[in-house]
PDB file of all heavy atoms in Angstrom:
ATOM      1  N   THR A   1       0.306   6.100 -15.266  1.00  0.00           N
ATOM      2  CA  THR A   1      -0.717   7.112 -15.001  1.00  0.00           C
ATOM      3  C   THR A   1      -0.079   8.457 -14.678  1.00  0.00           C
ATOM      4  O   THR A   1      -0.585   9.511 -15.096  1.00  0.00           O
ATOM      5  CB  THR A   1      -1.608   6.678 -13.824  1.00  0.00           C
ATOM      6  OG1 THR A   1      -2.230   5.431 -14.142  1.00  0.00           O
ATOM      7  CG2 THR A   1      -2.709   7.704 -13.567  1.00  0.00           C
ATOM      8  N   LEU A   2       1.029   8.441 -13.940  1.00  0.00           N
ATOM      9  CA  LEU A   2       1.737   9.680 -13.654  1.00  0.00           C
ATOM     10  C   LEU A   2       2.246  10.318 -14.944  1.00  0.00           C
ATOM     11  O   LEU A   2       2.094  11.525 -15.155  1.00  0.00           O
ATOM     12  CB  LEU A   2       2.924   9.410 -12.711  1.00  0.00           C
ATOM     13  CG  LEU A   2       2.602   8.946 -11.293  1.00  0.00           C
ATOM     14  CD1 LEU A   2       3.894   8.764 -10.494  1.00  0.00           C
ATOM     15  CD2 LEU A   2       1.667   9.909 -10.580  1.00  0.00           C
ATOM     16  N   VAL A   3       2.859   9.520 -15.793  1.00  0.00           N
ATOM     17  CA  VAL A   3       3.411  10.033 -17.052  1.00  0.00           C
ATOM     18  C   VAL A   3       2.314  10.648 -17.905  1.00  0.00           C
ATOM     19  O   VAL A   3       2.493  11.742 -18.470  1.00  0.00           O
ATOM     20  CB  VAL A   3       4.117   8.899 -17.826  1.00  0.00           C
ATOM     21  CG1 VAL A   3       4.526   9.375 -19.223  1.00  0.00           C
ATOM     22  CG2 VAL A   3       5.347   8.425 -17.069  1.00  0.00           C
ATOM     23  N   SER A   4       1.167   9.985 -17.991  1.00  0.00           N
ATOM     24  CA  SER A   4       0.087  10.497 -18.822  1.00  0.00           C
ATOM     25  C   SER A   4      -0.520  11.775 -18.265  1.00  0.00           C
ATOM     26  O   SER A   4      -1.219  12.498 -19.001  1.00  0.00           O
ATOM     27  CB  SER A   4      -1.008   9.426 -18.983  1.00  0.00           C
ATOM     28  OG  SER A   4      -1.593   9.116 -17.727  1.00  0.00           O
ATOM     29  N   ASN A   5      -0.266  12.081 -17.000  1.00  0.00           N
ATOM     30  CA  ASN A   5      -0.757  13.321 -16.389  1.00  0.00           C
ATOM     31  C   ASN A   5       0.366  14.310 -16.132  1.00  0.00           C
ATOM     32  O   ASN A   5       0.215  15.238 -15.324  1.00  0.00           O
ATOM     33  CB  ASN A   5      -1.498  13.014 -15.098  1.00  0.00           C
ATOM     34  CG  ASN A   5      -2.868  12.411 -15.325  1.00  0.00           C
ATOM     35  OD1 ASN A   5      -3.849  13.137 -15.532  1.00  0.00           O
ATOM     36  ND2 ASN A   5      -2.949  11.092 -15.319  1.00  0.00           N
ATOM     37  N   ASN A   6       1.506  14.106 -16.817  1.00  0.00           N
ATOM     38  CA  ASN A   6       2.648  15.031 -16.749  1.00  0.00           C
ATOM     39  C   ASN A   6       3.182  15.180 -15.326  1.00  0.00           C
ATOM     40  O   ASN A   6       3.566  16.269 -14.897  1.00  0.00           O
ATOM     41  CB  ASN A   6       2.256  16.419 -17.317  1.00  0.00           C
ATOM     42  CG  ASN A   6       3.462  17.241 -17.672  1.00  0.00           C
ATOM     43  OD1 ASN A   6       4.482  16.715 -18.118  1.00  0.00           O
ATOM     44  ND2 ASN A   6       3.364  18.549 -17.463  1.00  0.00           N
ATOM     45  N   LEU A   7       3.232  14.052 -14.613  1.00  0.00           N
ATOM     46  CA  LEU A   7       3.740  14.049 -13.235  1.00  0.00           C
ATOM     47  C   LEU A   7       4.956  13.129 -13.128  1.00  0.00           C
ATOM     48  O   LEU A   7       5.165  12.253 -13.947  1.00  0.00           O
ATOM     49  CB  LEU A   7       2.651  13.559 -12.269  1.00  0.00           C
ATOM     50  CG  LEU A   7       1.368  14.385 -12.180  1.00  0.00           C
ATOM     51  CD1 LEU A   7       0.337  13.653 -11.337  1.00  0.00           C
ATOM     52  CD2 LEU A   7       1.651  15.761 -11.616  1.00  0.00           C
ATOM     53  N   LYS A   8       5.736  13.343 -12.083  1.00  0.00           N
ATOM     54  CA  LYS A   8       6.876  12.464 -11.815  1.00  0.00           C
ATOM     55  C   LYS A   8       6.899  12.112 -10.338  1.00  0.00           C
ATOM     56  O   LYS A   8       6.575  12.926  -9.469  1.00  0.00           O
ATOM     57  CB  LYS A   8       8.191  13.115 -12.226  1.00  0.00           C
ATOM     58  CG  LYS A   8       8.535  14.406 -11.497  1.00  0.00           C
ATOM     59  CD  LYS A   8       9.858  14.976 -12.010  1.00  0.00           C
ATOM     60  CE  LYS A   8      10.216  16.301 -11.287  1.00  0.00           C
ATOM     61  NZ  LYS A   8      11.465  16.898 -11.823  1.00  0.00           N
ATOM     62  N   GLU A   9       7.291  10.900 -10.050  1.00  0.00           N
ATOM     63  CA  GLU A   9       7.378  10.379  -8.685  1.00  0.00           C
ATOM     64  C   GLU A   9       8.674  10.888  -8.055  1.00  0.00           C
ATOM     65  O   GLU A   9       9.754  10.739  -8.630  1.00  0.00           O
ATOM     66  CB  GLU A   9       7.377   8.856  -8.727  1.00  0.00           C
ATOM     67  CG  GLU A   9       7.368   8.146  -7.404  1.00  0.00           C
ATOM     68  CD  GLU A   9       7.334   6.636  -7.593  1.00  0.00           C
ATOM     69  OE1 GLU A   9       7.564   6.158  -8.731  1.00  0.00           O
ATOM     70  OE2 GLU A   9       7.085   5.945  -6.589  1.00  0.00           O
ATOM     71  N   VAL A  10       8.576  11.506  -6.864  1.00  0.00           N
ATOM     72  CA  VAL A  10       9.776  12.063  -6.245  1.00  0.00           C
ATOM     73  C   VAL A  10      10.092  11.482  -4.869  1.00  0.00           C
ATOM     74  O   VAL A  10      11.235  11.528  -4.421  1.00  0.00           O
ATOM     75  CB  VAL A  10       9.679  13.606  -6.142  1.00  0.00           C
ATOM     76  CG1 VAL A  10       9.695  14.237  -7.513  1.00  0.00           C
ATOM     77  CG2 VAL A  10       8.438  14.037  -5.353  1.00  0.00           C
ATOM     78  N   GLU A  11       9.092  10.934  -4.181  1.00  0.00           N
ATOM     79  CA  GLU A  11       9.335  10.335  -2.848  1.00  0.00           C
ATOM     80  C   GLU A  11       8.444   9.098  -2.692  1.00  0.00           C
ATOM     81  O   GLU A  11       7.231   9.177  -2.821  1.00  0.00           O
ATOM     82  CB  GLU A  11       9.024  11.317  -1.717  1.00  0.00           C
ATOM     83  CG  GLU A  11       9.829  12.596  -1.725  1.00  0.00           C
ATOM     84  CD  GLU A  11      11.265  12.390  -1.238  1.00  0.00           C
ATOM     85  OE1 GLU A  11      11.551  11.316  -0.663  1.00  0.00           O
ATOM     86  OE2 GLU A  11      12.079  13.318  -1.439  1.00  0.00           O
ATOM     87  N   VAL A  12       9.053   7.943  -2.402  1.00  0.00           N
ATOM     88  CA  VAL A  12       8.295   6.743  -2.070  1.00  0.00           C
ATOM     89  C   VAL A  12       8.082   6.702  -0.555  1.00  0.00           C
ATOM     90  O   VAL A  12       9.038   6.645   0.214  1.00  0.00           O
ATOM     91  CB  VAL A  12       9.031   5.474  -2.527  1.00  0.00           C
ATOM     92  CG1 VAL A  12       8.252   4.220  -2.093  1.00  0.00           C
ATOM     93  CG2 VAL A  12       9.223   5.468  -4.048  1.00  0.00           C
ATOM     94  N   VAL A  13       6.842   6.773  -0.147  1.00  0.00           N
ATOM     95  CA  VAL A  13       6.502   6.844   1.280  1.00  0.00           C
ATOM     96  C   VAL A  13       6.252   5.459   1.868  1.00  0.00           C
ATOM     97  O   VAL A  13       6.644   5.153   2.992  1.00  0.00           O
ATOM     98  CB  VAL A  13       5.272   7.750   1.487  1.00  0.00           C
ATOM     99  CG1 VAL A  13       4.819   7.721   2.948  1.00  0.00           C
ATOM    100  CG2 VAL A  13       5.590   9.181   1.050  1.00  0.00           C
ATOM    101  N   LEU A  14       5.598   4.592   1.110  1.00  0.00           N
ATOM    102  CA  LEU A  14       5.232   3.274   1.624  1.00  0.00           C
ATOM    103  C   LEU A  14       5.238   2.254   0.502  1.00  0.00           C
ATOM    104  O   LEU A  14       4.634   2.479  -0.549  1.00  0.00           O
ATOM    105  CB  LEU A  14       3.834   3.311   2.252  1.00  0.00           C
ATOM    106  CG  LEU A  14       3.241   1.975   2.700  1.00  0.00           C
ATOM    107  CD1 LEU A  14       3.985   1.437   3.913  1.00  0.00           C
ATOM    108  CD2 LEU A  14       1.738   2.116   2.999  1.00  0.00           C
ATOM    109  N   LYS A  15       5.926   1.128   0.708  1.00  0.00           N
ATOM    110  CA  LYS A  15       5.834   0.007  -0.213  1.00  0.00           C
ATOM    111  C   LYS A  15       4.759  -0.939   0.323  1.00  0.00           C
ATOM    112  O   LYS A  15       4.849  -1.419   1.444  1.00  0.00           O
ATOM    113  CB  LYS A  15       7.177  -0.703  -0.328  1.00  0.00           C
ATOM    114  CG  LYS A  15       8.230   0.135  -1.048  1.00  0.00           C
ATOM    115  CD  LYS A  15       9.540  -0.629  -1.218  1.00  0.00           C
ATOM    116  CE  LYS A  15      10.561   0.219  -1.980  1.00  0.00           C
ATOM    117  NZ  LYS A  15      11.859  -0.505  -2.148  1.00  0.00           N
ATOM    118  N   SER A  16       3.751  -1.160  -0.508  1.00  0.00           N
ATOM    119  CA  SER A  16       2.585  -1.907  -0.053  1.00  0.00           C
ATOM    120  C   SER A  16       2.458  -3.232  -0.805  1.00  0.00           C
ATOM    121  O   SER A  16       3.003  -3.414  -1.887  1.00  0.00           O
ATOM    122  CB  SER A  16       1.313  -1.072  -0.262  1.00  0.00           C
ATOM    123  OG  SER A  16       0.177  -1.759   0.208  1.00  0.00           O
ATOM    124  N   GLU A  17       1.744  -4.149  -0.192  1.00  0.00           N
ATOM    125  CA  GLU A  17       1.405  -5.439  -0.798  1.00  0.00           C
ATOM    126  C   GLU A  17       0.194  -5.978  -0.060  1.00  0.00           C
ATOM    127  O   GLU A  17      -0.248  -5.409   0.945  1.00  0.00           O
ATOM    128  CB  GLU A  17       2.572  -6.421  -0.679  1.00  0.00           C
ATOM    129  CG  GLU A  17       2.944  -6.762   0.765  1.00  0.00           C
ATOM    130  CD  GLU A  17       4.149  -7.689   0.840  1.00  0.00           C
ATOM    131  OE1 GLU A  17       3.952  -8.905   0.662  1.00  0.00           O
ATOM    132  OE2 GLU A  17       5.261  -7.183   1.065  1.00  0.00           O
ATOM    133  N   ALA A  18      -0.355  -7.064  -0.550  1.00  0.00           N
ATOM    134  CA  ALA A  18      -1.474  -7.703   0.138  1.00  0.00           C
ATOM    135  C   ALA A  18      -0.981  -8.315   1.442  1.00  0.00           C
ATOM    136  O   ALA A  18       0.092  -8.903   1.487  1.00  0.00           O
ATOM    137  CB  ALA A  18      -2.091  -8.775  -0.732  1.00  0.00           C
ATOM    138  N   VAL A  19      -1.775  -8.163   2.496  1.00  0.00           N
ATOM    139  CA  VAL A  19      -1.440  -8.758   3.782  1.00  0.00           C
ATOM    140  C   VAL A  19      -2.677  -9.483   4.329  1.00  0.00           C
ATOM    141  O   VAL A  19      -3.815  -9.161   4.000  1.00  0.00           O
ATOM    142  CB  VAL A  19      -0.976  -7.693   4.810  1.00  0.00           C
ATOM    143  CG1 VAL A  19       0.331  -7.084   4.391  1.00  0.00           C
ATOM    144  CG2 VAL A  19      -2.039  -6.598   5.001  1.00  0.00           C
ATOM    145  N   LEU A  20      -2.401 -10.474   5.168  1.00  0.00           N
ATOM    146  CA  LEU A  20      -3.467 -11.179   5.878  1.00  0.00           C
ATOM    147  C   LEU A  20      -3.560 -10.574   7.265  1.00  0.00           C
ATOM    148  O   LEU A  20      -2.589 -10.568   8.015  1.00  0.00           O
ATOM    149  CB  LEU A  20      -3.155 -12.668   5.964  1.00  0.00           C
ATOM    150  CG  LEU A  20      -4.231 -13.541   6.615  1.00  0.00           C
ATOM    151  CD1 LEU A  20      -5.471 -13.628   5.742  1.00  0.00           C
ATOM    152  CD2 LEU A  20      -3.703 -14.939   6.914  1.00  0.00           C
ATOM    153  N   ILE A  21      -4.718 -10.025   7.589  1.00  0.00           N
ATOM    154  CA  ILE A  21      -4.919  -9.427   8.909  1.00  0.00           C
ATOM    155  C   ILE A  21      -5.906 -10.285   9.710  1.00  0.00           C
ATOM    156  O   ILE A  21      -6.715 -11.022   9.143  1.00  0.00           O
ATOM    157  CB  ILE A  21      -5.436  -7.971   8.816  1.00  0.00           C
ATOM    158  CG1 ILE A  21      -6.797  -7.914   8.104  1.00  0.00           C
ATOM    159  CG2 ILE A  21      -4.412  -7.106   8.096  1.00  0.00           C
ATOM    160  CD1 ILE A  21      -7.438  -6.534   8.106  1.00  0.00           C
ATOM    161  N   ALA A  22      -5.820 -10.184  11.031  1.00  0.00           N
ATOM    162  CA  ALA A  22      -6.679 -10.993  11.898  1.00  0.00           C
ATOM    163  C   ALA A  22      -7.223 -10.152  13.035  1.00  0.00           C
ATOM    164  O   ALA A  22      -6.572  -9.220  13.515  1.00  0.00           O
ATOM    165  CB  ALA A  22      -5.905 -12.194  12.461  1.00  0.00           C
ATOM    166  N   THR A  23      -8.426 -10.496  13.472  1.00  0.00           N
ATOM    167  CA  THR A  23      -9.009  -9.860  14.635  1.00  0.00           C
ATOM    168  C   THR A  23      -8.229 -10.269  15.886  1.00  0.00           C
ATOM    169  O   THR A  23      -7.725 -11.403  15.955  1.00  0.00           O
ATOM    170  CB  THR A  23     -10.502 -10.229  14.782  1.00  0.00           C
ATOM    171  OG1 THR A  23     -11.067  -9.511  15.877  1.00  0.00           O
ATOM    172  CG2 THR A  23     -10.665 -11.708  15.007  1.00  0.00           C
ATOM    173  N   PRO A  24      -8.087  -9.411  16.885  1.00  0.00           N
ATOM    174  CA  PRO A  24      -7.301  -9.761  18.077  1.00  0.00           C
ATOM    175  C   PRO A  24      -7.989 -10.743  19.012  1.00  0.00           C
ATOM    176  O   PRO A  24      -7.396 -11.193  19.984  1.00  0.00           O
ATOM    177  CB  PRO A  24      -7.097  -8.401  18.759  1.00  0.00           C
ATOM    178  CG  PRO A  24      -8.216  -7.552  18.283  1.00  0.00           C
ATOM    179  CD  PRO A  24      -8.530  -7.996  16.899  1.00  0.00           C
ATOM    180  N   SER A  25      -9.241 -11.106  18.734  1.00  0.00           N
ATOM    181  CA  SER A  25     -10.003 -11.935  19.684  1.00  0.00           C
ATOM    182  C   SER A  25     -10.371 -13.296  19.106  1.00  0.00           C
ATOM    183  O   SER A  25     -11.492 -13.784  19.301  1.00  0.00           O
ATOM    184  CB  SER A  25     -11.263 -11.201  20.129  1.00  0.00           C
ATOM    185  OG  SER A  25     -12.052 -10.835  18.996  1.00  0.00           O
ATOM    186  N   LEU A  26      -9.445 -13.941  18.401  1.00  0.00           N
ATOM    187  CA  LEU A  26      -9.738 -15.257  17.840  1.00  0.00           C
ATOM    188  C   LEU A  26      -9.822 -16.323  18.932  1.00  0.00           C
ATOM    189  O   LEU A  26      -9.022 -16.328  19.858  1.00  0.00           O
ATOM    190  CB  LEU A  26      -8.629 -15.659  16.853  1.00  0.00           C
ATOM    191  CG  LEU A  26      -8.676 -15.074  15.436  1.00  0.00           C
ATOM    192  CD1 LEU A  26      -7.494 -15.578  14.635  1.00  0.00           C
ATOM    193  CD2 LEU A  26      -9.971 -15.440  14.729  1.00  0.00           C
ATOM    194  N   SER A  27     -10.771 -17.231  18.784  1.00  0.00           N
ATOM    195  CA  SER A  27     -10.877 -18.354  19.708  1.00  0.00           C
ATOM    196  C   SER A  27      -9.754 -19.346  19.422  1.00  0.00           C
ATOM    197  O   SER A  27      -9.128 -19.314  18.361  1.00  0.00           O
ATOM    198  CB  SER A  27     -12.229 -19.047  19.545  1.00  0.00           C
ATOM    199  OG  SER A  27     -12.300 -19.655  18.259  1.00  0.00           O
ATOM    200  N   GLU A  28      -9.509 -20.258  20.362  1.00  0.00           N
ATOM    201  CA  GLU A  28      -8.458 -21.261  20.177  1.00  0.00           C
ATOM    202  C   GLU A  28      -8.743 -22.145  18.971  1.00  0.00           C
ATOM    203  O   GLU A  28      -7.833 -22.520  18.224  1.00  0.00           O
ATOM    204  CB  GLU A  28      -8.317 -22.114  21.441  1.00  0.00           C
ATOM    205  CG  GLU A  28      -7.710 -21.380  22.625  1.00  0.00           C
ATOM    206  CD  GLU A  28      -6.337 -20.798  22.302  1.00  0.00           C
ATOM    207  OE1 GLU A  28      -5.519 -21.532  21.675  1.00  0.00           O
ATOM    208  OE2 GLU A  28      -6.071 -19.639  22.655  1.00  0.00           O
TER     209      GLU A  28
END
């Protein structure tokens, strides 16, 4: 998508992936 819009990537700020998140108030 960057190439097709004449852009180039210069700084990677965050490497992301799917994560499992949980509420802090789970019952036992």
